[in-house]
Amino acid sequence: MLVCQPSSRVRAALIALLLARPDYASYVSQALTGLKTKDAQTLRFFYTAAVNLQQEYEGIFQAALGVNWYKLPDLFSDELGLTGDSPAARLQHLAHLHAQSCGENLNWEGTYENAAQHLIRRWKMEQTWQA
C-alpha cells in the first residue's frame, strides 16, 4: 500500500489517487485494519486532506471526473478533532495535527496542496494534448 512506502513522495501520491479515484474511499476502512498504528494514522491524515482538497477544488474535480465524480465521505475529521470554517482552514488545522502526531514539523499543508496541484496540472496538460 502507498502509505507504507519509504518515499514521502510516494506516500503523498495517495492524496492524488484518492482525488482521482474517489470511489477507492470504500476500501479505506478495510485498509486500516491491516496497517501498523503509524501507517494507519498517516492514512487518516492523507485521506482527510483529500476530503478537504476535494471540497476546496470541487469544480475542478467534478469537471475532470464527470460521471465518475464521487464525493469523498468525511471519515476521520471528528476522530482527529479537526475544526475550521472552510476547507483551507481545515487543511491548516490538519497540518498542525499531523505535525503534532508524527513529531515532524514539516510543511504538511504544502504537501497536501502539492499533491492536488500536480494532479490538476496533469489533467490540464491532458486536455491540451487532446485538443
Protein backbone atom coordinates (compact mmCIF):
# COMPACT_ATOMS: atom_id res chain seq x y z
CA MET A 1 0.00 0.00 0.00
CA LEU A 2 1.18 3.52 -0.78
CA VAL A 3 1.04 4.73 2.80
CA CYS A 4 3.70 2.17 3.84
CA GLN A 5 6.27 3.21 1.25
CA PRO A 6 9.57 4.69 2.50
CA SER A 7 9.46 7.56 -0.01
CA SER A 8 7.46 10.55 1.20
CA ARG A 9 6.61 11.43 -2.42
CA VAL A 10 5.12 8.01 -2.99
CA ARG A 11 3.14 8.22 0.26
CA ALA A 12 1.79 11.65 -0.71
CA ALA A 13 0.66 10.19 -4.04
CA LEU A 14 -2.11 8.59 -2.01
CA ILE A 15 -3.80 12.00 -1.83
CA ALA A 16 -3.78 12.35 -5.62
CA LEU A 17 -5.01 8.79 -6.01
CA LEU A 18 -7.98 9.44 -3.75
CA LEU A 19 -8.76 12.67 -5.60
CA ALA A 20 -8.55 10.95 -8.99
CA ARG A 21 -10.36 7.81 -7.85
CA PRO A 22 -12.72 8.85 -5.06
CA ASP A 23 -14.50 5.51 -5.39
CA TYR A 24 -11.48 3.99 -3.60
CA ALA A 25 -12.82 5.55 -0.40
CA SER A 26 -14.85 2.38 0.10
CA TYR A 27 -11.60 0.48 0.77
CA VAL A 28 -10.10 2.83 3.35
CA SER A 29 -11.72 1.34 6.46
CA GLN A 30 -10.65 -2.15 5.46
CA ALA A 31 -7.12 -0.96 4.67
CA LEU A 32 -6.79 0.49 8.18
CA THR A 33 -7.19 -2.95 9.75
CA GLY A 34 -4.02 -4.25 8.11
CA LEU A 35 -1.76 -1.29 8.92
CA LYS A 36 0.62 -0.54 11.74
CA THR A 37 -0.53 2.29 14.02
CA LYS A 38 1.78 4.91 12.46
CA ASP A 39 0.78 4.00 8.89
CA ALA A 40 -2.91 3.92 9.83
CA GLN A 41 -2.62 7.43 11.25
CA THR A 42 -0.87 8.63 8.08
CA LEU A 43 -3.72 7.15 6.03
CA ARG A 44 -6.25 9.04 8.18
CA PHE A 45 -4.38 12.32 7.71
CA PHE A 46 -3.89 11.91 3.95
CA TYR A 47 -7.46 10.75 3.42
CA THR A 48 -8.78 13.73 5.39
CA ALA A 49 -6.52 16.03 3.36
CA ALA A 50 -8.04 14.57 0.18
CA VAL A 51 -11.56 15.18 1.52
CA ASN A 52 -10.80 18.85 2.17
CA LEU A 53 -8.87 19.36 -1.07
CA GLN A 54 -11.80 17.87 -2.98
CA GLN A 55 -14.08 20.40 -1.30
CA GLU A 56 -11.65 23.25 -1.95
CA TYR A 57 -11.32 22.43 -5.66
CA GLU A 58 -14.74 20.85 -6.13
CA GLY A 59 -15.46 22.43 -9.51
CA ILE A 60 -12.16 21.29 -10.99
CA PHE A 61 -12.52 17.72 -9.77
CA GLN A 62 -16.17 17.48 -10.75
CA ALA A 63 -15.39 18.72 -14.27
CA ALA A 64 -12.38 16.43 -14.65
CA LEU A 65 -14.10 13.29 -13.43
CA GLY A 66 -17.52 13.90 -14.99
CA VAL A 67 -19.77 10.91 -14.44
CA ASN A 68 -17.11 9.34 -12.18
CA TRP A 69 -17.46 12.24 -9.71
CA TYR A 70 -17.96 10.89 -6.23
CA LYS A 71 -17.79 13.00 -3.10
CA LEU A 72 -15.35 11.53 -0.59
CA PRO A 73 -17.15 10.87 2.69
CA ASP A 74 -15.54 12.55 5.68
CA LEU A 75 -14.49 9.54 7.74
CA PHE A 76 -11.97 10.93 10.19
CA SER A 77 -12.45 14.65 10.93
CA ASP A 78 -14.35 14.02 14.16
CA GLU A 79 -11.87 11.36 15.28
CA LEU A 80 -8.94 13.70 14.58
CA GLY A 81 -10.67 16.67 16.24
CA LEU A 82 -10.46 18.70 13.05
CA THR A 83 -12.06 22.14 13.07
CA GLY A 84 -12.32 25.06 10.68
CA ASP A 85 -14.89 27.09 8.79
CA SER A 86 -13.54 26.35 5.31
CA PRO A 87 -11.59 23.59 3.56
CA ALA A 88 -8.47 25.81 3.64
CA ALA A 89 -8.81 26.39 7.39
CA ARG A 90 -9.38 22.67 7.99
CA LEU A 91 -6.28 21.82 5.92
CA GLN A 92 -4.24 24.23 8.01
CA HIS A 93 -5.53 22.68 11.23
CA LEU A 94 -4.98 19.17 9.82
CA ALA A 95 -1.36 20.04 9.03
CA HIS A 96 -0.86 21.19 12.61
CA LEU A 97 -2.40 17.97 13.97
CA HIS A 98 -0.29 15.90 11.57
CA ALA A 99 2.92 17.60 12.74
CA GLN A 100 1.98 17.03 16.38
CA SER A 101 1.09 13.39 15.76
CA CYS A 102 4.26 12.37 13.96
CA GLY A 103 6.66 14.77 15.67
CA GLU A 104 7.87 16.07 12.31
CA ASN A 105 7.41 19.80 11.90
CA LEU A 106 7.16 19.67 8.12
CA ASN A 107 5.05 21.76 5.79
CA TRP A 108 2.22 19.25 5.75
CA GLU A 109 -0.24 21.76 4.33
CA GLY A 110 2.12 22.32 1.40
CA THR A 111 2.46 18.56 0.96
CA TYR A 112 -1.32 18.18 0.72
CA GLU A 113 -1.70 21.09 -1.70
CA ASN A 114 1.23 19.93 -3.82
CA ALA A 115 -0.40 16.54 -4.40
CA ALA A 116 -3.61 18.19 -5.58
CA GLN A 117 -1.84 20.75 -7.75
CA HIS A 118 0.24 18.10 -9.52
CA LEU A 119 -2.93 16.18 -10.34
CA ILE A 120 -4.72 19.32 -11.58
CA ARG A 121 -1.73 20.27 -13.76
CA ARG A 122 -1.65 16.80 -15.26
CA TRP A 123 -5.35 16.94 -16.10
CA LYS A 124 -4.89 20.36 -17.72
CA MET A 125 -1.97 19.06 -19.80
CA GLU A 126 -4.03 16.05 -20.88
CA GLN A 127 -6.80 18.40 -22.03
CA THR A 128 -4.26 20.39 -24.05
CA TRP A 129 -2.85 17.24 -25.64
CA GLN A 130 -6.33 16.05 -26.61
CA ALA A 131 -7.28 19.37 -28.21
